[in-house]
Amino acid sequence: MRIRALAAWLATVATGLAAVWSGPVRAAPIVIPQDVVFVADSGASITSFGWTQIKGVMQSVNAMRPPGLVERLGIVRFGTSSQTLYTFQNDQAAVTVNGFIDDLAYLNSGSALLAGVQDAIALFDAQSPEINSRLMVVLSDGTPNPPLTQNPCSLTNPAAVTARADLATLGVETIVVMVGPDRNPANLGCLYNFDPARVFAIEDVLNSASANHDAFFSHFGPTYIDDDPDPDPQPVGVPTPATALLLGAGLLGVCGARRAARTPATA
């Protein structure tokens, strides 16, 4: 009877220890959402083929987004003028965004690049919470038209100078995708800080075998911050449930051996 009682007591202790310590406890990571604005060139110099490629890039990014609202997309299209076509408040379901992009028409007109950048800034300012990371993706050949008023890197146009200052104030990261038969990346250098790691040929972006494909997509997605890098350790002085069970088995064995030694042998 004593052995049975001891066994029941040890089982109770092991269960209690399992509740006290069931392994390391790690807090869920903090998620910082990302807001992305595509600034898409629909001017004549892009060509209709280039416009099809631009839509392909936007759809590829959309398809790779994680579920939920941790990566939102906005779309600005510019030709002779610029227009914000999709905002962060529009339906962000991947299938909806994909269909919208699929239906975007090619304007085949001028290239109001600065106006497109200004519209992206306005969208970030109006609908992107300060805590979110912000990414502007310019898809263009780098040929603003007219060049005197629509060059975002102009040093003499006050509107361009203000736009660059606004991007810095809002903490907007910019990457550039070069598209079209006549490309001038230097004209957009101020947007990507002349950093070659932030400017991409559209063929590389659309080619999954290209190293630059992976480099491009590395800019997208929410940021996860581990707020608890050192999970709660086992409480000091408290054995694990498995240890308790092994200890119990040993005690039971000792008690059984002693009882057997005290029991007289029968003929």
Protein backbone atom coordinates (compact mmCIF):
# COMPACT_ATOMS: atom_id res chain seq x y z
CA MET A 1 0.00 0.00 0.00
CA ARG A 2 2.83 2.36 0.83
CA ILE A 3 4.41 1.82 -2.60
CA ARG A 4 1.13 2.56 -4.35
CA ALA A 5 0.65 5.73 -2.32
CA LEU A 6 4.19 6.84 -3.12
CA ALA A 7 3.65 6.17 -6.82
CA ALA A 8 0.46 8.24 -6.81
CA TRP A 9 2.25 11.07 -5.00
CA LEU A 10 5.12 11.10 -7.49
CA ALA A 11 2.68 11.19 -10.41
CA THR A 12 0.98 14.22 -8.85
CA VAL A 13 4.33 15.97 -8.36
CA ALA A 14 5.37 15.32 -11.96
CA THR A 15 2.09 16.76 -13.24
CA GLY A 16 2.54 19.86 -11.11
CA LEU A 17 6.10 20.34 -12.34
CA ALA A 18 4.90 20.05 -15.93
CA ALA A 19 2.54 22.96 -15.28
CA VAL A 20 5.29 25.01 -13.59
CA TRP A 21 7.87 24.40 -16.29
CA SER A 22 6.98 23.13 -19.73
CA GLY A 23 10.08 24.40 -21.53
CA PRO A 24 11.30 27.85 -22.66
CA VAL A 25 8.58 30.47 -23.03
CA ARG A 26 9.19 32.90 -25.91
CA ALA A 27 7.16 36.04 -26.50
CA ALA A 28 5.71 36.59 -29.98
CA PRO A 29 7.89 38.90 -32.13
CA ILE A 30 6.88 42.51 -32.70
CA VAL A 31 5.67 43.04 -36.29
CA ILE A 32 6.31 46.35 -38.05
CA PRO A 33 4.11 46.51 -41.18
CA GLN A 34 5.38 47.83 -44.51
CA ASP A 35 3.62 50.24 -46.86
CA VAL A 36 4.72 50.08 -50.51
CA VAL A 37 3.89 52.55 -53.27
CA PHE A 38 4.59 51.70 -56.91
CA VAL A 39 5.28 54.77 -59.03
CA ALA A 40 4.72 53.37 -62.53
CA ASP A 41 5.82 55.15 -65.71
CA SER A 42 3.23 54.84 -68.48
CA GLY A 43 4.85 57.30 -70.90
CA ALA A 44 5.47 56.75 -74.61
CA SER A 45 9.17 55.95 -74.14
CA ILE A 46 8.30 52.92 -71.98
CA THR A 47 6.50 51.16 -74.88
CA SER A 48 3.54 48.84 -74.45
CA PHE A 49 5.88 45.88 -73.86
CA GLY A 50 7.59 47.76 -71.05
CA TRP A 51 4.21 48.53 -69.51
CA THR A 52 3.35 44.83 -69.55
CA GLN A 53 6.64 44.15 -67.74
CA ILE A 54 5.85 46.83 -65.15
CA LYS A 55 2.52 45.21 -64.41
CA GLY A 56 4.28 41.87 -64.11
CA VAL A 57 6.61 43.23 -61.43
CA MET A 58 3.73 44.69 -59.42
CA GLN A 59 1.80 41.42 -59.65
CA SER A 60 4.85 39.43 -58.57
CA VAL A 61 5.28 41.56 -55.46
CA ASN A 62 1.57 41.29 -54.73
CA ALA A 63 1.67 37.49 -55.04
CA MET A 64 4.52 37.17 -52.54
CA ARG A 65 2.94 39.26 -49.79
CA PRO A 66 2.30 37.53 -46.44
CA PRO A 67 -1.32 37.22 -45.30
CA GLY A 68 -2.96 39.98 -43.31
CA LEU A 69 -2.35 43.72 -43.52
CA VAL A 70 1.37 43.61 -42.71
CA GLU A 71 2.34 44.66 -46.26
CA ARG A 72 0.01 47.11 -48.02
CA LEU A 73 0.27 48.27 -51.62
CA GLY A 74 -0.50 51.59 -53.29
CA ILE A 75 -0.21 52.40 -57.00
CA VAL A 76 0.58 55.70 -58.72
CA ARG A 77 0.57 55.78 -62.52
CA PHE A 78 2.00 58.72 -64.42
CA GLY A 79 1.94 59.79 -68.04
CA THR A 80 1.36 63.41 -69.04
CA SER A 81 -0.06 63.78 -65.53
CA SER A 82 -0.03 61.60 -62.44
CA GLN A 83 -2.85 59.84 -60.62
CA THR A 84 -3.05 57.78 -57.45
CA LEU A 85 -5.02 54.74 -58.54
CA TYR A 86 -4.81 52.46 -55.51
CA THR A 87 -4.43 53.45 -51.86
CA PHE A 88 -3.67 51.65 -48.62
CA GLN A 89 -7.36 51.92 -47.76
CA ASN A 90 -8.47 49.98 -50.83
CA ASP A 91 -9.11 46.24 -50.63
CA GLN A 92 -5.70 44.66 -49.98
CA ALA A 93 -6.75 41.09 -50.78
CA ALA A 94 -4.15 39.66 -53.19
CA VAL A 95 -6.73 38.51 -55.73
CA THR A 96 -8.35 41.96 -55.80
CA VAL A 97 -5.05 43.79 -56.22
CA ASN A 98 -3.94 41.38 -58.92
CA GLY A 99 -7.12 41.95 -60.93
CA PHE A 100 -6.79 45.70 -60.58
CA ILE A 101 -3.21 45.65 -61.88
CA ASP A 102 -4.22 43.40 -64.74
CA ASP A 103 -6.74 45.99 -65.94
CA LEU A 104 -4.39 48.99 -65.82
CA ALA A 105 -4.23 50.67 -69.23
CA TYR A 106 -1.07 51.96 -70.92
CA LEU A 107 -1.26 55.74 -71.37
CA ASN A 108 1.44 56.14 -74.07
CA SER A 109 1.87 59.84 -73.30
CA GLY A 110 4.25 62.17 -71.47
CA SER A 111 6.27 61.27 -68.36
CA ALA A 112 5.41 63.39 -65.32
CA LEU A 113 7.88 61.60 -63.08
CA LEU A 114 8.14 64.29 -60.41
CA ALA A 115 4.36 64.46 -60.16
CA GLY A 116 4.31 60.69 -59.61
CA VAL A 117 6.83 60.98 -56.78
CA GLN A 118 4.79 63.80 -55.23
CA ASP A 119 1.64 61.67 -55.33
CA ALA A 120 3.49 58.83 -53.59
CA ILE A 121 4.64 61.24 -50.89
CA ALA A 122 1.07 62.45 -50.40
CA LEU A 123 -0.16 58.86 -50.03
CA PHE A 124 2.47 58.00 -47.44
CA ASP A 125 1.75 61.20 -45.55
CA ALA A 126 -2.02 60.66 -45.50
CA GLN A 127 -2.39 56.92 -44.93
CA SER A 128 0.85 55.40 -43.64
CA PRO A 129 1.21 55.29 -39.82
CA GLU A 130 4.49 56.61 -38.52
CA ILE A 131 5.47 53.22 -37.10
CA ASN A 132 5.23 51.50 -40.51
CA SER A 133 8.24 51.14 -42.77
CA ARG A 134 7.80 52.84 -46.16
CA LEU A 135 9.08 51.77 -49.56
CA MET A 136 8.68 53.61 -52.87
CA VAL A 137 9.32 51.56 -56.01
CA VAL A 138 9.88 53.70 -59.11
CA LEU A 139 9.44 51.78 -62.37
CA SER A 140 10.68 54.01 -65.19
CA ASP A 141 13.28 54.58 -67.88
CA GLY A 142 14.50 57.69 -66.11
CA THR A 143 13.39 60.06 -68.89
CA PRO A 144 11.09 62.73 -67.43
CA ASN A 145 9.05 64.66 -69.95
CA PRO A 146 9.09 67.62 -69.90
CA PRO A 147 12.56 67.40 -68.33
CA LEU A 148 12.70 70.93 -66.90
CA THR A 149 9.63 70.51 -64.70
CA GLN A 150 9.42 66.74 -64.14
CA ASN A 151 12.96 65.76 -63.15
CA PRO A 152 12.84 64.72 -59.46
CA CYS A 153 16.61 65.17 -59.18
CA SER A 154 16.65 68.75 -60.41
CA LEU A 155 18.80 71.08 -58.30
CA THR A 156 17.03 74.22 -59.50
CA ASN A 157 13.37 73.21 -59.39
CA PRO A 158 12.04 74.04 -55.88
CA ALA A 159 9.32 71.38 -56.21
CA ALA A 160 11.94 68.68 -56.77
CA VAL A 161 14.06 69.89 -53.86
CA THR A 162 11.00 69.83 -51.60
CA ALA A 163 10.01 66.35 -52.75
CA ARG A 164 13.42 64.93 -51.88
CA ALA A 165 13.29 66.58 -48.46
CA ASP A 166 9.82 65.13 -47.88
CA LEU A 167 11.00 61.62 -48.72
CA ALA A 168 13.77 61.97 -46.16
CA THR A 169 11.42 63.37 -43.51
CA LEU A 170 8.96 60.51 -43.98
CA GLY A 171 11.75 57.92 -43.88
CA VAL A 172 10.86 56.51 -47.30
CA GLU A 173 13.29 54.00 -48.76
CA THR A 174 13.41 54.12 -52.57
CA ILE A 175 14.39 51.46 -55.07
CA VAL A 176 14.31 51.90 -58.84
CA VAL A 177 13.46 49.42 -61.59
CA MET A 178 14.75 50.42 -65.01
CA VAL A 179 12.49 49.55 -67.94
CA GLY A 180 12.16 50.46 -71.61
CA PRO A 181 14.54 50.54 -74.57
CA ASP A 182 16.30 53.79 -73.57
CA ARG A 183 17.29 53.80 -69.90
CA ASN A 184 18.88 56.63 -67.95
CA PRO A 185 19.44 55.50 -64.35
CA ALA A 186 21.66 58.49 -63.56
CA ASN A 187 18.62 60.76 -63.96
CA LEU A 188 17.08 58.99 -60.96
CA GLY A 189 20.28 58.65 -58.94
CA CYS A 190 19.18 61.07 -56.24
CA LEU A 191 16.19 58.82 -55.44
CA TYR A 192 18.29 55.71 -54.77
CA ASN A 193 21.26 57.68 -53.45
CA PHE A 194 23.36 56.43 -56.39
CA ASP A 195 23.54 53.07 -54.62
CA PRO A 196 23.87 50.31 -57.27
CA ALA A 197 22.28 47.83 -54.85
CA ARG A 198 19.01 49.78 -55.05
CA VAL A 199 18.59 49.98 -58.84
CA PHE A 200 17.51 46.96 -60.88
CA ALA A 201 16.96 46.01 -64.52
CA ILE A 202 13.40 44.83 -64.97
CA GLU A 203 14.57 41.67 -66.76
CA ASP A 204 16.45 40.62 -63.60
CA VAL A 205 13.45 41.31 -61.41
CA LEU A 206 11.25 39.10 -63.58
CA ASN A 207 13.87 36.32 -63.84
CA SER A 208 13.77 34.10 -60.76
CA ALA A 209 17.17 32.63 -61.69
CA SER A 210 18.87 36.03 -61.43
CA ALA A 211 20.75 36.95 -58.26
CA ASN A 212 19.29 40.43 -58.57
CA HIS A 213 15.81 38.92 -58.46
CA ASP A 214 16.35 37.85 -54.86
CA ALA A 215 18.07 41.13 -54.01
CA PHE A 216 15.05 43.07 -55.29
CA PHE A 217 12.51 41.06 -53.30
CA SER A 218 14.60 41.30 -50.15
CA HIS A 219 13.38 44.90 -49.83
CA PHE A 220 9.78 43.77 -49.32
CA GLY A 221 7.87 42.50 -46.32
CA PRO A 222 7.22 43.45 -42.71
CA THR A 223 9.97 43.67 -40.11
CA TYR A 224 9.95 41.16 -37.26
CA ILE A 225 11.66 42.17 -34.03
CA ASP A 226 12.37 39.53 -31.40
CA ASP A 227 11.50 41.32 -28.17
CA ASP A 228 12.47 38.29 -26.05
CA PRO A 229 15.77 36.91 -27.39
CA ASP A 230 16.41 34.96 -24.16
CA PRO A 231 13.38 32.77 -23.35
CA ASP A 232 12.46 32.11 -19.73
CA PRO A 233 14.85 29.49 -18.37
CA GLN A 234 13.90 26.55 -16.21
CA PRO A 235 13.13 27.82 -12.68
CA VAL A 236 16.21 27.47 -10.48
CA GLY A 237 16.03 24.45 -8.20
CA VAL A 238 12.95 22.99 -9.92
CA PRO A 239 13.63 19.71 -11.74
CA THR A 240 11.99 18.99 -15.05
CA PRO A 241 9.03 16.58 -15.09
CA ALA A 242 11.19 13.91 -16.74
CA THR A 243 13.80 14.26 -13.98
CA ALA A 244 11.08 13.91 -11.36
CA LEU A 245 9.77 10.74 -12.96
CA LEU A 246 13.25 9.21 -13.11
CA LEU A 247 13.80 10.12 -9.46
CA GLY A 248 10.44 8.58 -8.61
CA ALA A 249 11.29 5.38 -10.44
CA GLY A 250 14.51 5.12 -8.47
CA LEU A 251 12.72 5.62 -5.16
CA LEU A 252 10.12 3.04 -6.08
CA GLY A 253 12.88 0.59 -6.95
CA VAL A 254 14.61 1.14 -3.61
CA CYS A 255 11.37 0.78 -1.67
CA GLY A 256 10.49 -2.38 -3.60
CA ALA A 257 13.88 -3.90 -2.90
CA ARG A 258 13.63 -3.13 0.83
CA ARG A 259 10.14 -4.63 1.03
CA ALA A 260 11.31 -7.75 -0.76
CA ALA A 261 14.19 -8.05 1.69
CA ARG A 262 11.82 -7.87 4.69
CA THR A 263 9.36 -10.45 3.27
CA PRO A 264 10.27 -13.98 4.42
CA ALA A 265 10.73 -16.53 1.71
CA THR A 266 8.05 -19.19 1.38
CA ALA A 267 8.84 -22.85 0.96
